[in-house]
Amino acid sequence: MARKRHKAEEIVTKLRQVEVLTAQGRPVAEAIRSIGVTEVTYYRWRSEYGGLKGDQVKRLKELEAENTRLRRAISDLTLEKLILKEAASGNF
């Protein structure tokens, strides 16, 4: 079976579907199967996207991307600093 990458908004929608189905009295395992994912995937999604709404998920993804970009910039600057420090001390 081919793997599908779900978008964050789709994940939140599917989590809400499971909530609705369980509120209607269906067992959790059956509700999870009805959205087409495994229990492991559902619980992983629930831990990551649990109480978020659609706009909050979008903002979360933007912040994660910005955080990654800033970490990369800091590591590049740190590396350049170490290279300049070593060159200034004459150990090359």
PDB file of N, CA and C in Angstrom:
ATOM      1  N   MET A   1       0.842  -1.180   0.000  1.00  0.00           N
ATOM      2  CA  MET A   1       0.000   0.000   0.000  1.00  0.00           C
ATOM      3  C   MET A   1       0.885   1.241   0.000  1.00  0.00           C
ATOM      4  N   ALA A   2       0.575   2.187  -0.842  1.00  0.00           N
ATOM      5  CA  ALA A   2       1.367   3.409  -0.950  1.00  0.00           C
ATOM      6  C   ALA A   2       1.143   4.292   0.270  1.00  0.00           C
ATOM      7  N   ARG A   3       2.206   4.919   0.724  1.00  0.00           N
ATOM      8  CA  ARG A   3       2.108   5.819   1.865  1.00  0.00           C
ATOM      9  C   ARG A   3       1.674   7.187   1.392  1.00  0.00           C
ATOM     10  N   LYS A   4       0.844   7.830   2.194  1.00  0.00           N
ATOM     11  CA  LYS A   4       0.355   9.158   1.844  1.00  0.00           C
ATOM     12  C   LYS A   4       0.804  10.135   2.915  1.00  0.00           C
ATOM     13  N   ARG A   5       1.295  11.253   2.479  1.00  0.00           N
ATOM     14  CA  ARG A   5       1.647  12.323   3.401  1.00  0.00           C
ATOM     15  C   ARG A   5       0.424  13.193   3.597  1.00  0.00           C
ATOM     16  N   HIS A   6      -0.022  13.301   4.832  1.00  0.00           N
ATOM     17  CA  HIS A   6      -1.177  14.125   5.126  1.00  0.00           C
ATOM     18  C   HIS A   6      -0.716  15.530   5.486  1.00  0.00           C
ATOM     19  N   LYS A   7      -1.448  16.509   5.035  1.00  0.00           N
ATOM     20  CA  LYS A   7      -1.169  17.888   5.403  1.00  0.00           C
ATOM     21  C   LYS A   7      -1.666  18.108   6.824  1.00  0.00           C
ATOM     22  N   ALA A   8      -1.132  19.120   7.479  1.00  0.00           N
ATOM     23  CA  ALA A   8      -1.485  19.383   8.872  1.00  0.00           C
ATOM     24  C   ALA A   8      -2.978  19.640   9.042  1.00  0.00           C
ATOM     25  N   GLU A   9      -3.572  20.345   8.101  1.00  0.00           N
ATOM     26  CA  GLU A   9      -5.005  20.632   8.190  1.00  0.00           C
ATOM     27  C   GLU A   9      -5.833  19.351   8.071  1.00  0.00           C
ATOM     28  N   GLU A  10      -5.390  18.439   7.203  1.00  0.00           N
ATOM     29  CA  GLU A  10      -6.078  17.163   7.058  1.00  0.00           C
ATOM     30  C   GLU A  10      -5.992  16.349   8.345  1.00  0.00           C
ATOM     31  N   ILE A  11      -4.831  16.405   8.980  1.00  0.00           N
ATOM     32  CA  ILE A  11      -4.638  15.668  10.226  1.00  0.00           C
ATOM     33  C   ILE A  11      -5.596  16.176  11.293  1.00  0.00           C
ATOM     34  N   VAL A  12      -5.693  17.485  11.430  1.00  0.00           N
ATOM     35  CA  VAL A  12      -6.606  18.063  12.427  1.00  0.00           C
ATOM     36  C   VAL A  12      -8.043  17.661  12.123  1.00  0.00           C
ATOM     37  N   THR A  13      -8.412  17.658  10.849  1.00  0.00           N
ATOM     38  CA  THR A  13      -9.762  17.256  10.456  1.00  0.00           C
ATOM     39  C   THR A  13     -10.029  15.800  10.834  1.00  0.00           C
ATOM     40  N   LYS A  14      -9.066  14.936  10.568  1.00  0.00           N
ATOM     41  CA  LYS A  14      -9.243  13.516  10.892  1.00  0.00           C
ATOM     42  C   LYS A  14      -9.303  13.296  12.396  1.00  0.00           C
ATOM     43  N   LEU A  15      -8.520  14.039  13.156  1.00  0.00           N
ATOM     44  CA  LEU A  15      -8.594  13.933  14.616  1.00  0.00           C
ATOM     45  C   LEU A  15      -9.976  14.343  15.117  1.00  0.00           C
ATOM     46  N   ARG A  16     -10.523  15.381  14.535  1.00  0.00           N
ATOM     47  CA  ARG A  16     -11.870  15.829  14.915  1.00  0.00           C
ATOM     48  C   ARG A  16     -12.926  14.787  14.538  1.00  0.00           C
ATOM     49  N   GLN A  17     -12.740  14.118  13.402  1.00  0.00           N
ATOM     50  CA  GLN A  17     -13.668  13.067  13.001  1.00  0.00           C
ATOM     51  C   GLN A  17     -13.682  11.941  14.030  1.00  0.00           C
ATOM     52  N   VAL A  18     -12.500  11.565  14.503  1.00  0.00           N
ATOM     53  CA  VAL A  18     -12.422  10.510  15.512  1.00  0.00           C
ATOM     54  C   VAL A  18     -13.117  10.957  16.790  1.00  0.00           C
ATOM     55  N   GLU A  19     -12.927  12.212  17.181  1.00  0.00           N
ATOM     56  CA  GLU A  19     -13.594  12.727  18.378  1.00  0.00           C
ATOM     57  C   GLU A  19     -15.107  12.640  18.241  1.00  0.00           C
ATOM     58  N   VAL A  20     -15.619  13.006  17.074  1.00  0.00           N
ATOM     59  CA  VAL A  20     -17.066  12.969  16.834  1.00  0.00           C
ATOM     60  C   VAL A  20     -17.573  11.530  16.888  1.00  0.00           C
ATOM     61  N   LEU A  21     -16.852  10.626  16.238  1.00  0.00           N
ATOM     62  CA  LEU A  21     -17.286   9.227  16.209  1.00  0.00           C
ATOM     63  C   LEU A  21     -17.271   8.594  17.600  1.00  0.00           C
ATOM     64  N   THR A  22     -16.256   8.907  18.394  1.00  0.00           N
ATOM     65  CA  THR A  22     -16.212   8.342  19.748  1.00  0.00           C
ATOM     66  C   THR A  22     -17.295   8.964  20.624  1.00  0.00           C
ATOM     67  N   ALA A  23     -17.630  10.229  20.376  1.00  0.00           N
ATOM     68  CA  ALA A  23     -18.713  10.865  21.134  1.00  0.00           C
ATOM     69  C   ALA A  23     -20.060  10.233  20.792  1.00  0.00           C
ATOM     70  N   GLN A  24     -20.167   9.683  19.594  1.00  0.00           N
ATOM     71  CA  GLN A  24     -21.399   9.012  19.180  1.00  0.00           C
ATOM     72  C   GLN A  24     -21.481   7.585  19.712  1.00  0.00           C
ATOM     73  N   GLY A  25     -20.444   7.140  20.413  1.00  0.00           N
ATOM     74  CA  GLY A  25     -20.486   5.828  21.036  1.00  0.00           C
ATOM     75  C   GLY A  25     -19.706   4.740  20.331  1.00  0.00           C
ATOM     76  N   ARG A  26     -19.015   5.066  19.254  1.00  0.00           N
ATOM     77  CA  ARG A  26     -18.217   4.054  18.567  1.00  0.00           C
ATOM     78  C   ARG A  26     -16.909   3.840  19.316  1.00  0.00           C
ATOM     79  N   PRO A  27     -16.398   2.617  19.330  1.00  0.00           N
ATOM     80  CA  PRO A  27     -15.103   2.366  19.974  1.00  0.00           C
ATOM     81  C   PRO A  27     -13.988   3.142  19.264  1.00  0.00           C
ATOM     82  N   VAL A  28     -12.964   3.490  20.013  1.00  0.00           N
ATOM     83  CA  VAL A  28     -11.861   4.296  19.461  1.00  0.00           C
ATOM     84  C   VAL A  28     -11.183   3.564  18.313  1.00  0.00           C
ATOM     85  N   ALA A  29     -10.927   2.275  18.469  1.00  0.00           N
ATOM     86  CA  ALA A  29     -10.241   1.519  17.420  1.00  0.00           C
ATOM     87  C   ALA A  29     -11.039   1.535  16.120  1.00  0.00           C
ATOM     88  N   GLU A  30     -12.343   1.404  16.217  1.00  0.00           N
ATOM     89  CA  GLU A  30     -13.197   1.424  15.022  1.00  0.00           C
ATOM     90  C   GLU A  30     -13.206   2.814  14.382  1.00  0.00           C
ATOM     91  N   ALA A  31     -13.238   3.856  15.209  1.00  0.00           N
ATOM     92  CA  ALA A  31     -13.221   5.229  14.696  1.00  0.00           C
ATOM     93  C   ALA A  31     -11.907   5.515  13.978  1.00  0.00           C
ATOM     94  N   ILE A  32     -10.818   5.006  14.525  1.00  0.00           N
ATOM     95  CA  ILE A  32      -9.501   5.219  13.905  1.00  0.00           C
ATOM     96  C   ILE A  32      -9.444   4.510  12.554  1.00  0.00           C
ATOM     97  N   ARG A  33      -9.947   3.284  12.497  1.00  0.00           N
ATOM     98  CA  ARG A  33      -9.958   2.544  11.225  1.00  0.00           C
ATOM     99  C   ARG A  33     -10.805   3.265  10.180  1.00  0.00           C
ATOM    100  N   SER A  34     -11.859   3.916  10.622  1.00  0.00           N
ATOM    101  CA  SER A  34     -12.746   4.583   9.664  1.00  0.00           C
ATOM    102  C   SER A  34     -12.094   5.793   8.992  1.00  0.00           C
ATOM    103  N   ILE A  35     -11.094   6.408   9.638  1.00  0.00           N
ATOM    104  CA  ILE A  35     -10.404   7.532   8.994  1.00  0.00           C
ATOM    105  C   ILE A  35      -9.233   7.054   8.145  1.00  0.00           C
ATOM    106  N   GLY A  36      -8.913   5.759   8.223  1.00  0.00           N
ATOM    107  CA  GLY A  36      -7.915   5.184   7.326  1.00  0.00           C
ATOM    108  C   GLY A  36      -6.478   5.307   7.777  1.00  0.00           C
ATOM    109  N   VAL A  37      -6.233   5.321   9.081  1.00  0.00           N
ATOM    110  CA  VAL A  37      -4.863   5.341   9.594  1.00  0.00           C
ATOM    111  C   VAL A  37      -4.724   4.267  10.666  1.00  0.00           C
ATOM    112  N   THR A  38      -3.486   3.978  11.042  1.00  0.00           N
ATOM    113  CA  THR A  38      -3.247   3.002  12.100  1.00  0.00           C
ATOM    114  C   THR A  38      -3.385   3.677  13.464  1.00  0.00           C
ATOM    115  N   GLU A  39      -3.494   2.846  14.494  1.00  0.00           N
ATOM    116  CA  GLU A  39      -3.612   3.402  15.841  1.00  0.00           C
ATOM    117  C   GLU A  39      -2.343   4.157  16.234  1.00  0.00           C
ATOM    118  N   VAL A  40      -1.198   3.643  15.829  1.00  0.00           N
ATOM    119  CA  VAL A  40       0.065   4.306  16.145  1.00  0.00           C
ATOM    120  C   VAL A  40       0.096   5.705  15.540  1.00  0.00           C
ATOM    121  N   THR A  41      -0.315   5.797  14.282  1.00  0.00           N
ATOM    122  CA  THR A  41      -0.351   7.093  13.604  1.00  0.00           C
ATOM    123  C   THR A  41      -1.313   8.030  14.296  1.00  0.00           C
ATOM    124  N   TYR A  42      -2.481   7.520  14.653  1.00  0.00           N
ATOM    125  CA  TYR A  42      -3.478   8.360  15.327  1.00  0.00           C
ATOM    126  C   TYR A  42      -2.929   8.923  16.634  1.00  0.00           C
ATOM    127  N   TYR A  43      -2.323   8.093  17.461  1.00  0.00           N
ATOM    128  CA  TYR A  43      -1.829   8.565  18.751  1.00  0.00           C
ATOM    129  C   TYR A  43      -0.630   9.507  18.594  1.00  0.00           C
ATOM    130  N   ARG A  44       0.177   9.287  17.551  1.00  0.00           N
ATOM    131  CA  ARG A  44       1.281  10.207  17.283  1.00  0.00           C
ATOM    132  C   ARG A  44       0.733  11.567  16.860  1.00  0.00           C
ATOM    133  N   TRP A  45      -0.260  11.554  15.975  1.00  0.00           N
ATOM    134  CA  TRP A  45      -0.902  12.797  15.550  1.00  0.00           C
ATOM    135  C   TRP A  45      -1.548  13.496  16.734  1.00  0.00           C
ATOM    136  N   ARG A  46      -2.226  12.722  17.570  1.00  0.00           N
ATOM    137  CA  ARG A  46      -2.924  13.320  18.698  1.00  0.00           C
ATOM    138  C   ARG A  46      -1.957  13.979  19.669  1.00  0.00           C
ATOM    139  N   SER A  47      -0.779  13.369  19.858  1.00  0.00           N
ATOM    140  CA  SER A  47       0.198  13.990  20.757  1.00  0.00           C
ATOM    141  C   SER A  47       0.780  15.263  20.159  1.00  0.00           C
ATOM    142  N   GLU A  48       0.888  15.331  18.836  1.00  0.00           N
ATOM    143  CA  GLU A  48       1.467  16.505  18.186  1.00  0.00           C
ATOM    144  C   GLU A  48       0.442  17.598  17.922  1.00  0.00           C
ATOM    145  N   TYR A  49      -0.743  17.222  17.458  1.00  0.00           N
ATOM    146  CA  TYR A  49      -1.736  18.205  17.031  1.00  0.00           C
ATOM    147  C   TYR A  49      -2.972  18.242  17.919  1.00  0.00           C
ATOM    148  N   GLY A  50      -2.929  17.572  19.062  1.00  0.00           N
ATOM    149  CA  GLY A  50      -4.063  17.372  19.945  1.00  0.00           C
ATOM    150  C   GLY A  50      -5.120  18.447  19.993  1.00  0.00           C
ATOM    151  N   GLY A  51      -4.863  19.572  20.610  1.00  0.00           N
ATOM    152  CA  GLY A  51      -5.908  20.569  20.798  1.00  0.00           C
ATOM    153  C   GLY A  51      -5.809  21.764  19.867  1.00  0.00           C
ATOM    154  N   LEU A  52      -5.137  21.591  18.741  1.00  0.00           N
ATOM    155  CA  LEU A  52      -4.931  22.725  17.844  1.00  0.00           C
ATOM    156  C   LEU A  52      -6.062  22.874  16.840  1.00  0.00           C
ATOM    157  N   LYS A  53      -6.245  24.092  16.390  1.00  0.00           N
ATOM    158  CA  LYS A  53      -7.195  24.385  15.325  1.00  0.00           C
ATOM    159  C   LYS A  53      -6.408  24.598  14.032  1.00  0.00           C
ATOM    160  N   GLY A  54      -7.098  24.720  12.926  1.00  0.00           N
ATOM    161  CA  GLY A  54      -6.448  24.819  11.614  1.00  0.00           C
ATOM    162  C   GLY A  54      -5.451  25.943  11.496  1.00  0.00           C
ATOM    163  N   ASP A  55      -5.820  27.155  11.952  1.00  0.00           N
ATOM    164  CA  ASP A  55      -4.906  28.291  11.835  1.00  0.00           C
ATOM    165  C   ASP A  55      -3.712  28.138  12.776  1.00  0.00           C
ATOM    166  N   GLN A  56      -3.923  27.494  13.920  1.00  0.00           N
ATOM    167  CA  GLN A  56      -2.825  27.271  14.853  1.00  0.00           C
ATOM    168  C   GLN A  56      -1.817  26.278  14.282  1.00  0.00           C
ATOM    169  N   VAL A  57      -2.303  25.286  13.553  1.00  0.00           N
ATOM    170  CA  VAL A  57      -1.413  24.310  12.931  1.00  0.00           C
ATOM    171  C   VAL A  57      -0.545  24.989  11.885  1.00  0.00           C
ATOM    172  N   LYS A  58      -1.151  25.862  11.098  1.00  0.00           N
ATOM    173  CA  LYS A  58      -0.398  26.586  10.075  1.00  0.00           C
ATOM    174  C   LYS A  58       0.700  27.429  10.725  1.00  0.00           C
ATOM    175  N   ARG A  59       0.357  28.118  11.801  1.00  0.00           N
ATOM    176  CA  ARG A  59       1.333  28.940  12.516  1.00  0.00           C
ATOM    177  C   ARG A  59       2.439  28.077  13.126  1.00  0.00           C
ATOM    178  N   LEU A  60       2.076  26.901  13.657  1.00  0.00           N
ATOM    179  CA  LEU A  60       3.060  25.983  14.216  1.00  0.00           C
ATOM    180  C   LEU A  60       4.073  25.570  13.162  1.00  0.00           C
ATOM    181  N   LYS A  61       3.595  25.216  11.979  1.00  0.00           N
ATOM    182  CA  LYS A  61       4.494  24.810  10.900  1.00  0.00           C
ATOM    183  C   LYS A  61       5.404  25.965  10.467  1.00  0.00           C
ATOM    184  N   GLU A  62       4.856  27.172  10.412  1.00  0.00           N
ATOM    185  CA  GLU A  62       5.673  28.342  10.061  1.00  0.00           C
ATOM    186  C   GLU A  62       6.773  28.560  11.096  1.00  0.00           C
ATOM    187  N   LEU A  63       6.416  28.440  12.369  1.00  0.00           N
ATOM    188  CA  LEU A  63       7.407  28.636  13.431  1.00  0.00           C
ATOM    189  C   LEU A  63       8.476  27.548  13.410  1.00  0.00           C
ATOM    190  N   GLU A  64       8.079  26.315  13.125  1.00  0.00           N
ATOM    191  CA  GLU A  64       9.062  25.234  13.033  1.00  0.00           C
ATOM    192  C   GLU A  64      10.036  25.477  11.884  1.00  0.00           C
ATOM    193  N   ALA A  65       9.527  25.950  10.751  1.00  0.00           N
ATOM    194  CA  ALA A  65      10.394  26.239   9.603  1.00  0.00           C
ATOM    195  C   ALA A  65      11.344  27.385   9.926  1.00  0.00           C
ATOM    196  N   GLU A  66      10.838  28.420  10.587  1.00  0.00           N
ATOM    197  CA  GLU A  66      11.684  29.553  10.970  1.00  0.00           C
ATOM    198  C   GLU A  66      12.745  29.108  11.974  1.00  0.00           C
ATOM    199  N   ASN A  67      12.360  28.270  12.919  1.00  0.00           N
ATOM    200  CA  ASN A  67      13.297  27.771  13.912  1.00  0.00           C
ATOM    201  C   ASN A  67      14.420  26.974  13.253  1.00  0.00           C
ATOM    202  N   THR A  68      14.077  26.147  12.278  1.00  0.00           N
ATOM    203  CA  THR A  68      15.080  25.377  11.552  1.00  0.00           C
ATOM    204  C   THR A  68      16.039  26.303  10.809  1.00  0.00           C
ATOM    205  N   ARG A  69      15.489  27.312  10.163  1.00  0.00           N
ATOM    206  CA  ARG A  69      16.315  28.269   9.419  1.00  0.00           C
ATOM    207  C   ARG A  69      17.271  29.008  10.349  1.00  0.00           C
ATOM    208  N   LEU A  70      16.766  29.428  11.511  1.00  0.00           N
ATOM    209  CA  LEU A  70      17.618  30.155  12.462  1.00  0.00           C
ATOM    210  C   LEU A  70      18.701  29.254  13.063  1.00  0.00           C
ATOM    211  N   ARG A  71      18.357  28.009  13.355  1.00  0.00           N
ATOM    212  CA  ARG A  71      19.373  27.074  13.871  1.00  0.00           C
ATOM    213  C   ARG A  71      20.487  26.862  12.853  1.00  0.00           C
ATOM    214  N   ARG A  72      20.113  26.734  11.589  1.00  0.00           N
ATOM    215  CA  ARG A  72      21.106  26.556  10.539  1.00  0.00           C
ATOM    216  C   ARG A  72      22.000  27.791  10.435  1.00  0.00           C
ATOM    217  N   ALA A  73      21.413  28.982  10.539  1.00  0.00           N
ATOM    218  CA  ALA A  73      22.195  30.219  10.467  1.00  0.00           C
ATOM    219  C   ALA A  73      23.164  30.305  11.640  1.00  0.00           C
ATOM    220  N   ILE A  74      22.718  29.940  12.829  1.00  0.00           N
ATOM    221  CA  ILE A  74      23.594  29.987  14.010  1.00  0.00           C
ATOM    222  C   ILE A  74      24.740  29.004  13.865  1.00  0.00           C
ATOM    223  N   SER A  75      24.457  27.802  13.377  1.00  0.00           N
ATOM    224  CA  SER A  75      25.541  26.824  13.223  1.00  0.00           C
ATOM    225  C   SER A  75      26.556  27.291  12.182  1.00  0.00           C
ATOM    226  N   ASP A  76      26.083  27.914  11.097  1.00  0.00           N
ATOM    227  CA  ASP A  76      27.005  28.439  10.086  1.00  0.00           C
ATOM    228  C   ASP A  76      27.886  29.539  10.667  1.00  0.00           C
ATOM    229  N   LEU A  77      27.283  30.451  11.426  1.00  0.00           N
ATOM    230  CA  LEU A  77      28.059  31.542  12.022  1.00  0.00           C
ATOM    231  C   LEU A  77      29.056  31.032  13.060  1.00  0.00           C
ATOM    232  N   THR A  78      28.667  30.037  13.824  1.00  0.00           N
ATOM    233  CA  THR A  78      29.568  29.457  14.817  1.00  0.00           C
ATOM    234  C   THR A  78      30.758  28.805  14.137  1.00  0.00           C
ATOM    235  N   LEU A  79      30.495  28.095  13.066  1.00  0.00           N
ATOM    236  CA  LEU A  79      31.572  27.456  12.317  1.00  0.00           C
ATOM    237  C   LEU A  79      32.529  28.494  11.733  1.00  0.00           C
ATOM    238  N   GLU A  80      31.980  29.559  11.155  1.00  0.00           N
ATOM    239  CA  GLU A  80      32.827  30.625  10.619  1.00  0.00           C
ATOM    240  C   GLU A  80      33.664  31.260  11.718  1.00  0.00           C
ATOM    241  N   LYS A  81      33.078  31.457  12.876  1.00  0.00           N
ATOM    242  CA  LYS A  81      33.792  32.048  14.006  1.00  0.00           C
ATOM    243  C   LYS A  81      34.960  31.156  14.428  1.00  0.00           C
ATOM    244  N   LEU A  82      34.730  29.855  14.503  1.00  0.00           N
ATOM    245  CA  LEU A  82      35.803  28.937  14.884  1.00  0.00           C
ATOM    246  C   LEU A  82      36.927  28.918  13.851  1.00  0.00           C
ATOM    247  N   ILE A  83      36.566  28.983  12.568  1.00  0.00           N
ATOM    248  CA  ILE A  83      37.580  29.000  11.509  1.00  0.00           C
ATOM    249  C   ILE A  83      38.419  30.275  11.609  1.00  0.00           C
ATOM    250  N   LEU A  84      37.762  31.427  11.813  1.00  0.00           N
ATOM    251  CA  LEU A  84      38.494  32.691  11.933  1.00  0.00           C
ATOM    252  C   LEU A  84      39.376  32.705  13.169  1.00  0.00           C
ATOM    253  N   LYS A  85      38.904  32.147  14.255  1.00  0.00           N
ATOM    254  CA  LYS A  85      39.687  32.095  15.501  1.00  0.00           C
ATOM    255  C   LYS A  85      40.931  31.246  15.314  1.00  0.00           C
ATOM    256  N   GLU A  86      40.779  30.122  14.642  1.00  0.00           N
ATOM    257  CA  GLU A  86      41.930  29.255  14.404  1.00  0.00           C
ATOM    258  C   GLU A  86      42.923  29.917  13.442  1.00  0.00           C
ATOM    259  N   ALA A  87      42.409  30.596  12.432  1.00  0.00           N
ATOM    260  CA  ALA A  87      43.281  31.280  11.468  1.00  0.00           C
ATOM    261  C   ALA A  87      44.032  32.426  12.126  1.00  0.00           C
ATOM    262  N   ALA A  88      43.378  33.124  13.060  1.00  0.00           N
ATOM    263  CA  ALA A  88      44.008  34.257  13.739  1.00  0.00           C
ATOM    264  C   ALA A  88      45.108  33.799  14.684  1.00  0.00           C
ATOM    265  N   SER A  89      44.963  32.604  15.231  1.00  0.00           N
ATOM    266  CA  SER A  89      45.991  32.120  16.161  1.00  0.00           C
ATOM    267  C   SER A  89      47.191  31.533  15.414  1.00  0.00           C
ATOM    268  N   GLY A  90      47.079  31.339  14.110  1.00  0.00           N
ATOM    269  CA  GLY A  90      48.199  30.870  13.302  1.00  0.00           C
ATOM    270  C   GLY A  90      48.340  29.386  13.256  1.00  0.00           C
ATOM    271  N   ASN A  91      47.327  28.634  13.531  1.00  0.00           N
ATOM    272  CA  ASN A  91      47.409  27.158  13.530  1.00  0.00           C
ATOM    273  C   ASN A  91      46.818  26.587  12.243  1.00  0.00           C
ATOM    274  N   PHE A  92      47.404  26.906  11.121  1.00  0.00           N
ATOM    275  CA  PHE A  92      46.885  26.337   9.893  1.00  0.00           C
ATOM    276  C   PHE A  92      47.960  25.771   9.061  1.00  0.00           C
TER     277      PHE A  92
END
